Each structure stands twice: as structure tokens, then as C-alpha cells.
């Protein structure tokens, strides 16, 4: 279904990933990409041109399945979105975790000033890296990556086996997110874990990727958070609220 925010949400019981050949660029496009990347690095020296999995297709596969086509690339390929006339617009592929508190609220985090999206609120998660040659990129690999992101960003060390596939999002620029749902945790426990993670990172001289977390229940809660939000956050929160309401209704 398409949300008013321009974000598509797909419920799926199965997700099949298919690797496609890497993007092919003309010499002119490659020079333009390199120039755009150099300009981005000058603006933010923390940028790193590491390996990344881009998403080039998302299709339905009945019953209640999705097929996701991905390619191997590096972060500089994303700068082609800002190059006029480029024929390559590589959407990103990311994982995220919907971590509910035991009162039904959802954990969100604000990106730190040194990151590529300073001040932006989103679910814990991150871009997907391609596996080594010969190893598959499949749902278990995405689940492990999501669990690692949740631990690294919030301190909530939920085992990958406890994460369940929940939703797949597609933004207006084609970027696709695979969202997993974690078991509910006490709100006080979530706050303590993030505080402990932040203290440990700063003691090692490192800046945490998230500089703040919050628990939100509604659109009003989101509006009270200062700064930008990822486009998928409001429709995902709305879907989470409907799931919580249905779970609370008495069964016939």
C-alpha cells in the first residue's frame, strides 16, 4: 500500500534476495560520480567509500512473498542521484529494527552530528553491506545485520533469532528498508542500555552513532522531537499502533 508520505509499506512472510550485475557507468558518468563524491567528502570528511548493497528491484511473489534484487556497489554510487543527466540512480538497501517498549511505544534514535544524516530521527539500523564472494545475501544475513545494528546503536543485545520479519518499506527515491520486529522490553531497561552504551563509547574516545533516543507512540510524539525524520517513520509508527491495538482486542 502507498502511504500519504510517499512511502510504500509491504507486509511479507517471505523475502527472497537475488543478486544482479553491478551498475555500468559511461566514462562521463564515472567522472561525474567521482567529482560528486570528492565534493561530498570535502563537506564531510567522515564519509567512507565502503562496500554497500544497492537495491534495483522489489516485486511481489505470491503468496505473501517479495523478491528483492540487489547489486554490489560502494557509497559513492549514491552521489549519482545528485548528478544532472545521470542514467544511474542506485537506491539504497538498509535494515532497521522496530524495538517496542512494554507499554507499546517504539524506540527511535537521532543521528549524531558526525554522521551522514546529522539530527535525523529513525529506527535503529543501517545500510546493508554485500557478503564476501560466494556467500549469500539472504534473510538470515539481513537478520544478523539488523541485530548487530541494534546492539551497536542502542545497547539492546537482542539475539538475531529473536527478530522477526515485519515490514518492507520503499521510499520515494526507491530506497528499500527491511524492517524486523524485536520482542518488547521494559522502557527503563531500554534507557539504561543506551546510557551504558553511550558512557562506554565516550570512555573509549568514540562518539556514539545515535546521540539521543526516545520512545514514541503517536504522530504527536514524533512532532515533539526536534529535527528531521526519515520518511518511513510516521507510516511505520502508524502501522505499529494498529498492530498494538489489534493485539489488545479480545479474541472471539
Foldseek 3Di string as FASTA:
>chain_A
DADPLQKDKAWAQEEAEAEDEADDDDPVLVVLLVVLVVVVCVVAVVDDFDKAKFWDDWDDDPPRYIYTYIYIGTPSQCSSVVPPPGPDHTAFEKEFEFAAAPVLWTKWFAFPPNDPFHGEIDGQIDTHGDDPPPDDDHDLVRLQRHQVSCCQQQVPNADSVQWHFGIWMAHPSGHIYTYTYHDHHHPVVSVVRRVVSQVVQVVVVHHHRTPDMDTDQAPVRVVPRPDHYPSCVHVVSVVSNVVVVVVPDDDD
